[in-house]
Amino acid sequence: MSTVAEVESALRKMPVQEARAVSVWLQEYLDEQWDQQMDSDIAAGRLDKVWNKVEAQIAAGNTKPLDEVINDS
C-alpha cells in the first residue's frame, strides 16, 4: 500500500476493532512526529521569538492562572 486511497480501502475492509487499533497507533505515531518536530524547532531557535513574547507577557503581568481561564468559560 502506497497511496492514501489504498490505505483507506484496506481500513474499510477490516473489522472495526482492528481499524480502531490502527487509529490508536496512528495517533501515537503522529504525536511522536509532532514532539520530534517541536524538539527540532526548539533546538534550531525557531520558537525563540514566540517564547520571548510569552516571557514578556508574564513579566508584564498580562496572564491569568489557568483555573481562572477554564472557570470563565
PDB file of N, CA and C in Angstrom:
ATOM      1  N   MET A   1       0.842  -1.183   0.000  1.00  0.00           N
ATOM      2  CA  MET A   1       0.000   0.000   0.000  1.00  0.00           C
ATOM      3  C   MET A   1       0.881   1.238   0.000  1.00  0.00           C
ATOM      4  N   SER A   2       0.648   2.083  -0.964  1.00  0.00           N
ATOM      5  CA  SER A   2       1.485   3.272  -1.026  1.00  0.00           C
ATOM      6  C   SER A   2       0.694   4.556  -1.231  1.00  0.00           C
ATOM      7  N   THR A   3      -0.615   4.455  -1.338  1.00  0.00           N
ATOM      8  CA  THR A   3      -1.407   5.666  -1.505  1.00  0.00           C
ATOM      9  C   THR A   3      -2.457   5.761  -0.403  1.00  0.00           C
ATOM     10  N   VAL A   4      -2.913   6.953  -0.183  1.00  0.00           N
ATOM     11  CA  VAL A   4      -3.962   7.168   0.808  1.00  0.00           C
ATOM     12  C   VAL A   4      -5.207   6.369   0.432  1.00  0.00           C
ATOM     13  N   ALA A   5      -5.542   6.347  -0.830  1.00  0.00           N
ATOM     14  CA  ALA A   5      -6.727   5.607  -1.285  1.00  0.00           C
ATOM     15  C   ALA A   5      -6.600   4.120  -0.956  1.00  0.00           C
ATOM     16  N   GLU A   6      -5.415   3.556  -1.129  1.00  0.00           N
ATOM     17  CA  GLU A   6      -5.198   2.137  -0.818  1.00  0.00           C
ATOM     18  C   GLU A   6      -5.334   1.876   0.677  1.00  0.00           C
ATOM     19  N   VAL A   7      -4.800   2.772   1.478  1.00  0.00           N
ATOM     20  CA  VAL A   7      -4.902   2.621   2.929  1.00  0.00           C
ATOM     21  C   VAL A   7      -6.358   2.742   3.356  1.00  0.00           C
ATOM     22  N   GLU A   8      -7.056   3.728   2.823  1.00  0.00           N
ATOM     23  CA  GLU A   8      -8.469   3.898   3.153  1.00  0.00           C
ATOM     24  C   GLU A   8      -9.269   2.655   2.773  1.00  0.00           C
ATOM     25  N   SER A   9      -8.991   2.118   1.614  1.00  0.00           N
ATOM     26  CA  SER A   9      -9.706   0.920   1.155  1.00  0.00           C
ATOM     27  C   SER A   9      -9.438  -0.254   2.091  1.00  0.00           C
ATOM     28  N   ALA A  10      -8.197  -0.437   2.500  1.00  0.00           N
ATOM     29  CA  ALA A  10      -7.844  -1.531   3.411  1.00  0.00           C
ATOM     30  C   ALA A  10      -8.525  -1.347   4.762  1.00  0.00           C
ATOM     31  N   LEU A  11      -8.581  -0.116   5.248  1.00  0.00           N
ATOM     32  CA  LEU A  11      -9.238   0.148   6.535  1.00  0.00           C
ATOM     33  C   LEU A  11     -10.730  -0.161   6.472  1.00  0.00           C
ATOM     34  N   ARG A  12     -11.356   0.143   5.360  1.00  0.00           N
ATOM     35  CA  ARG A  12     -12.788  -0.131   5.219  1.00  0.00           C
ATOM     36  C   ARG A  12     -13.089  -1.632   5.223  1.00  0.00           C
ATOM     37  N   LYS A  13     -12.115  -2.424   4.820  1.00  0.00           N
ATOM     38  CA  LYS A  13     -12.317  -3.873   4.736  1.00  0.00           C
ATOM     39  C   LYS A  13     -12.041  -4.589   6.059  1.00  0.00           C
ATOM     40  N   MET A  14     -11.356  -3.922   6.990  1.00  0.00           N
ATOM     41  CA  MET A  14     -11.000  -4.629   8.223  1.00  0.00           C
ATOM     42  C   MET A  14     -12.069  -4.447   9.292  1.00  0.00           C
ATOM     43  N   PRO A  15     -12.124  -5.375  10.251  1.00  0.00           N
ATOM     44  CA  PRO A  15     -13.080  -5.242  11.343  1.00  0.00           C
ATOM     45  C   PRO A  15     -12.864  -3.931  12.113  1.00  0.00           C
ATOM     46  N   VAL A  16     -13.942  -3.408  12.660  1.00  0.00           N
ATOM     47  CA  VAL A  16     -13.896  -2.117  13.350  1.00  0.00           C
ATOM     48  C   VAL A  16     -12.842  -2.112  14.459  1.00  0.00           C
ATOM     49  N   GLN A  17     -12.752  -3.186  15.230  1.00  0.00           N
ATOM     50  CA  GLN A  17     -11.781  -3.236  16.329  1.00  0.00           C
ATOM     51  C   GLN A  17     -10.361  -3.092  15.797  1.00  0.00           C
ATOM     52  N   GLU A  18     -10.060  -3.710  14.677  1.00  0.00           N
ATOM     53  CA  GLU A  18      -8.726  -3.584  14.088  1.00  0.00           C
ATOM     54  C   GLU A  18      -8.495  -2.168  13.568  1.00  0.00           C
ATOM     55  N   ALA A  19      -9.514  -1.582  12.971  1.00  0.00           N
ATOM     56  CA  ALA A  19      -9.393  -0.204  12.493  1.00  0.00           C
ATOM     57  C   ALA A  19      -9.152   0.738  13.661  1.00  0.00           C
ATOM     58  N   ARG A  20      -9.815   0.482  14.791  1.00  0.00           N
ATOM     59  CA  ARG A  20      -9.590   1.304  15.982  1.00  0.00           C
ATOM     60  C   ARG A  20      -8.155   1.154  16.478  1.00  0.00           C
ATOM     61  N   ALA A  21      -7.627  -0.065  16.430  1.00  0.00           N
ATOM     62  CA  ALA A  21      -6.242  -0.289  16.844  1.00  0.00           C
ATOM     63  C   ALA A  21      -5.287   0.484  15.938  1.00  0.00           C
ATOM     64  N   VAL A  22      -5.580   0.511  14.648  1.00  0.00           N
ATOM     65  CA  VAL A  22      -4.765   1.297  13.717  1.00  0.00           C
ATOM     66  C   VAL A  22      -4.873   2.776  14.065  1.00  0.00           C
ATOM     67  N   SER A  23      -6.068   3.206  14.413  1.00  0.00           N
ATOM     68  CA  SER A  23      -6.286   4.608  14.781  1.00  0.00           C
ATOM     69  C   SER A  23      -5.452   5.000  15.994  1.00  0.00           C
ATOM     70  N   VAL A  24      -5.430   4.136  16.995  1.00  0.00           N
ATOM     71  CA  VAL A  24      -4.634   4.401  18.199  1.00  0.00           C
ATOM     72  C   VAL A  24      -3.160   4.475  17.833  1.00  0.00           C
ATOM     73  N   TRP A  25      -2.694   3.513  17.039  1.00  0.00           N
ATOM     74  CA  TRP A  25      -1.292   3.514  16.620  1.00  0.00           C
ATOM     75  C   TRP A  25      -0.964   4.785  15.841  1.00  0.00           C
ATOM     76  N   LEU A  26      -1.847   5.156  14.919  1.00  0.00           N
ATOM     77  CA  LEU A  26      -1.604   6.336  14.090  1.00  0.00           C
ATOM     78  C   LEU A  26      -1.530   7.599  14.938  1.00  0.00           C
ATOM     79  N   GLN A  27      -2.416   7.736  15.920  1.00  0.00           N
ATOM     80  CA  GLN A  27      -2.375   8.915  16.776  1.00  0.00           C
ATOM     81  C   GLN A  27      -1.077   8.970  17.563  1.00  0.00           C
ATOM     82  N   GLU A  28      -0.631   7.829  18.081  1.00  0.00           N
ATOM     83  CA  GLU A  28       0.638   7.785  18.811  1.00  0.00           C
ATOM     84  C   GLU A  28       1.801   8.139  17.896  1.00  0.00           C
ATOM     85  N   TYR A  29       1.770   7.635  16.681  1.00  0.00           N
ATOM     86  CA  TYR A  29       2.801   7.944  15.696  1.00  0.00           C
ATOM     87  C   TYR A  29       2.833   9.442  15.388  1.00  0.00           C
ATOM     88  N   LEU A  30       1.664  10.021  15.141  1.00  0.00           N
ATOM     89  CA  LEU A  30       1.590  11.450  14.833  1.00  0.00           C
ATOM     90  C   LEU A  30       2.032  12.294  16.021  1.00  0.00           C
ATOM     91  N   ASP A  31       1.685  11.866  17.242  1.00  0.00           N
ATOM     92  CA  ASP A  31       2.136  12.579  18.435  1.00  0.00           C
ATOM     93  C   ASP A  31       3.658  12.564  18.536  1.00  0.00           C
ATOM     94  N   GLU A  32       4.265  11.418  18.250  1.00  0.00           N
ATOM     95  CA  GLU A  32       5.732  11.313  18.265  1.00  0.00           C
ATOM     96  C   GLU A  32       6.349  12.247  17.229  1.00  0.00           C
ATOM     97  N   GLN A  33       5.762  12.263  16.035  1.00  0.00           N
ATOM     98  CA  GLN A  33       6.274  13.135  14.977  1.00  0.00           C
ATOM     99  C   GLN A  33       6.187  14.604  15.390  1.00  0.00           C
ATOM    100  N   TRP A  34       5.077  14.972  16.014  1.00  0.00           N
ATOM    101  CA  TRP A  34       4.884  16.343  16.496  1.00  0.00           C
ATOM    102  C   TRP A  34       5.951  16.684  17.532  1.00  0.00           C
ATOM    103  N   ASP A  35       6.158  15.775  18.478  1.00  0.00           N
ATOM    104  CA  ASP A  35       7.169  16.006  19.516  1.00  0.00           C
ATOM    105  C   ASP A  35       8.553  16.185  18.907  1.00  0.00           C
ATOM    106  N   GLN A  36       8.888  15.348  17.931  1.00  0.00           N
ATOM    107  CA  GLN A  36      10.193  15.461  17.281  1.00  0.00           C
ATOM    108  C   GLN A  36      10.324  16.785  16.535  1.00  0.00           C
ATOM    109  N   GLN A  37       9.252  17.217  15.885  1.00  0.00           N
ATOM    110  CA  GLN A  37       9.290  18.497  15.174  1.00  0.00           C
ATOM    111  C   GLN A  37       9.451  19.656  16.149  1.00  0.00           C
ATOM    112  N   MET A  38       8.727  19.595  17.270  1.00  0.00           N
ATOM    113  CA  MET A  38       8.860  20.641  18.281  1.00  0.00           C
ATOM    114  C   MET A  38      10.282  20.677  18.837  1.00  0.00           C
ATOM    115  N   ASP A  39      10.839  19.509  19.156  1.00  0.00           N
ATOM    116  CA  ASP A  39      12.222  19.452  19.655  1.00  0.00           C
ATOM    117  C   ASP A  39      13.189  20.047  18.644  1.00  0.00           C
ATOM    118  N   SER A  40      12.992  19.722  17.387  1.00  0.00           N
ATOM    119  CA  SER A  40      13.840  20.252  16.314  1.00  0.00           C
ATOM    120  C   SER A  40      13.701  21.767  16.204  1.00  0.00           C
ATOM    121  N   ASP A  41      12.469  22.254  16.241  1.00  0.00           N
ATOM    122  CA  ASP A  41      12.228  23.696  16.150  1.00  0.00           C
ATOM    123  C   ASP A  41      12.830  24.441  17.340  1.00  0.00           C
ATOM    124  N   ILE A  42      12.704  23.862  18.527  1.00  0.00           N
ATOM    125  CA  ILE A  42      13.280  24.490  19.721  1.00  0.00           C
ATOM    126  C   ILE A  42      14.798  24.541  19.598  1.00  0.00           C
ATOM    127  N   ALA A  43      15.407  23.416  19.225  1.00  0.00           N
ATOM    128  CA  ALA A  43      16.864  23.347  19.094  1.00  0.00           C
ATOM    129  C   ALA A  43      17.388  24.325  18.050  1.00  0.00           C
ATOM    130  N   ALA A  44      16.601  24.545  16.996  1.00  0.00           N
ATOM    131  CA  ALA A  44      17.019  25.453  15.923  1.00  0.00           C
ATOM    132  C   ALA A  44      16.697  26.909  16.231  1.00  0.00           C
ATOM    133  N   GLY A  45      16.034  27.157  17.361  1.00  0.00           N
ATOM    134  CA  GLY A  45      15.707  28.529  17.732  1.00  0.00           C
ATOM    135  C   GLY A  45      14.491  29.097  17.033  1.00  0.00           C
ATOM    136  N   ARG A  46      13.713  28.253  16.362  1.00  0.00           N
ATOM    137  CA  ARG A  46      12.553  28.753  15.618  1.00  0.00           C
ATOM    138  C   ARG A  46      11.430  29.263  16.518  1.00  0.00           C
ATOM    139  N   LEU A  47      11.460  28.881  17.792  1.00  0.00           N
ATOM    140  CA  LEU A  47      10.404  29.315  18.706  1.00  0.00           C
ATOM    141  C   LEU A  47      10.876  30.408  19.671  1.00  0.00           C
ATOM    142  N   ASP A  48      12.101  30.843  19.503  1.00  0.00           N
ATOM    143  CA  ASP A  48      12.656  31.846  20.410  1.00  0.00           C
ATOM    144  C   ASP A  48      11.842  33.141  20.424  1.00  0.00           C
ATOM    145  N   LYS A  49      11.427  33.603  19.255  1.00  0.00           N
ATOM    146  CA  LYS A  49      10.666  34.851  19.168  1.00  0.00           C
ATOM    147  C   LYS A  49       9.344  34.727  19.935  1.00  0.00           C
ATOM    148  N   VAL A  50       8.663  33.602  19.759  1.00  0.00           N
ATOM    149  CA  VAL A  50       7.399  33.372  20.462  1.00  0.00           C
ATOM    150  C   VAL A  50       7.646  33.278  21.965  1.00  0.00           C
ATOM    151  N   TRP A  51       8.674  32.523  22.359  1.00  0.00           N
ATOM    152  CA  TRP A  51       8.983  32.363  23.778  1.00  0.00           C
ATOM    153  C   TRP A  51       9.308  33.715  24.416  1.00  0.00           C
ATOM    154  N   ASN A  52      10.038  34.566  23.714  1.00  0.00           N
ATOM    155  CA  ASN A  52      10.361  35.894  24.244  1.00  0.00           C
ATOM    156  C   ASN A  52       9.100  36.730  24.457  1.00  0.00           C
ATOM    157  N   LYS A  53       8.143  36.621  23.549  1.00  0.00           N
ATOM    158  CA  LYS A  53       6.869  37.334  23.713  1.00  0.00           C
ATOM    159  C   LYS A  53       6.117  36.816  24.937  1.00  0.00           C
ATOM    160  N   VAL A  54       6.109  35.500  25.111  1.00  0.00           N
ATOM    161  CA  VAL A  54       5.430  34.893  26.261  1.00  0.00           C
ATOM    162  C   VAL A  54       6.075  35.376  27.558  1.00  0.00           C
ATOM    163  N   GLU A  55       7.394  35.342  27.617  1.00  0.00           N
ATOM    164  CA  GLU A  55       8.092  35.793  28.825  1.00  0.00           C
ATOM    165  C   GLU A  55       7.784  37.257  29.120  1.00  0.00           C
ATOM    166  N   ALA A  56       7.709  38.080  28.076  1.00  0.00           N
ATOM    167  CA  ALA A  56       7.403  39.497  28.260  1.00  0.00           C
ATOM    168  C   ALA A  56       5.985  39.679  28.805  1.00  0.00           C
ATOM    169  N   GLN A  57       5.036  38.903  28.306  1.00  0.00           N
ATOM    170  CA  GLN A  57       3.660  38.985  28.799  1.00  0.00           C
ATOM    171  C   GLN A  57       3.567  38.555  30.259  1.00  0.00           C
ATOM    172  N   ILE A  58       4.301  37.515  30.619  1.00  0.00           N
ATOM    173  CA  ILE A  58       4.318  37.062  32.011  1.00  0.00           C
ATOM    174  C   ILE A  58       4.932  38.139  32.896  1.00  0.00           C
ATOM    175  N   ALA A  59       6.055  38.698  32.483  1.00  0.00           N
ATOM    176  CA  ALA A  59       6.739  39.729  33.261  1.00  0.00           C
ATOM    177  C   ALA A  59       5.871  40.971  33.436  1.00  0.00           C
ATOM    178  N   ALA A  60       5.046  41.276  32.423  1.00  0.00           N
ATOM    179  CA  ALA A  60       4.179  42.454  32.479  1.00  0.00           C
ATOM    180  C   ALA A  60       2.901  42.183  33.273  1.00  0.00           C
ATOM    181  N   GLY A  61       2.722  40.940  33.719  1.00  0.00           N
ATOM    182  CA  GLY A  61       1.529  40.604  34.483  1.00  0.00           C
ATOM    183  C   GLY A  61       0.283  40.451  33.632  1.00  0.00           C
ATOM    184  N   ASN A  62       0.456  40.189  32.354  1.00  0.00           N
ATOM    185  CA  ASN A  62      -0.675  40.064  31.432  1.00  0.00           C
ATOM    186  C   ASN A  62      -1.136  38.624  31.258  1.00  0.00           C
ATOM    187  N   THR A  63      -1.089  37.873  32.327  1.00  0.00           N
ATOM    188  CA  THR A  63      -1.529  36.477  32.262  1.00  0.00           C
ATOM    189  C   THR A  63      -2.513  36.203  33.385  1.00  0.00           C
ATOM    190  N   LYS A  64      -3.254  35.094  33.230  1.00  0.00           N
ATOM    191  CA  LYS A  64      -4.191  34.642  34.260  1.00  0.00           C
ATOM    192  C   LYS A  64      -3.836  33.205  34.615  1.00  0.00           C
ATOM    193  N   PRO A  65      -4.116  32.804  35.831  1.00  0.00           N
ATOM    194  CA  PRO A  65      -3.968  31.384  36.153  1.00  0.00           C
ATOM    195  C   PRO A  65      -4.917  30.567  35.270  1.00  0.00           C
ATOM    196  N   LEU A  66      -4.482  29.387  34.874  1.00  0.00           N
ATOM    197  CA  LEU A  66      -5.289  28.546  34.003  1.00  0.00           C
ATOM    198  C   LEU A  66      -6.657  28.246  34.594  1.00  0.00           C
ATOM    199  N   ASP A  67      -6.728  28.061  35.917  1.00  0.00           N
ATOM    200  CA  ASP A  67      -8.017  27.784  36.558  1.00  0.00           C
ATOM    201  C   ASP A  67      -9.015  28.908  36.284  1.00  0.00           C
ATOM    202  N   GLU A  68      -8.566  30.145  36.294  1.00  0.00           N
ATOM    203  CA  GLU A  68      -9.469  31.265  36.017  1.00  0.00           C
ATOM    204  C   GLU A  68      -9.971  31.217  34.578  1.00  0.00           C
ATOM    205  N   VAL A  69      -9.096  30.909  33.669  1.00  0.00           N
ATOM    206  CA  VAL A  69      -9.476  30.851  32.253  1.00  0.00           C
ATOM    207  C   VAL A  69     -10.512  29.753  32.058  1.00  0.00           C
ATOM    208  N   ILE A  70     -10.282  28.592  32.647  1.00  0.00           N
ATOM    209  CA  ILE A  70     -11.193  27.465  32.495  1.00  0.00           C
ATOM    210  C   ILE A  70     -12.541  27.771  33.145  1.00  0.00           C
ATOM    211  N   ASN A  71     -12.528  28.357  34.309  1.00  0.00           N
ATOM    212  CA  ASN A  71     -13.762  28.635  35.025  1.00  0.00           C
ATOM    213  C   ASN A  71     -14.570  29.761  34.411  1.00  0.00           C
ATOM    214  N   ASP A  72     -13.922  30.627  33.622  1.00  0.00           N
ATOM    215  CA  ASP A  72     -14.625  31.718  32.949  1.00  0.00           C
ATOM    216  C   ASP A  72     -15.405  31.237  31.739  1.00  0.00           C
ATOM    217  N   SER A  73     -15.157  30.025  31.306  1.00  0.00           N
ATOM    218  CA  SER A  73     -15.781  29.506  30.079  1.00  0.00           C
ATOM    219  C   SER A  73     -17.257  29.283  30.243  1.00  0.00           C
TER     220      SER A  73
END
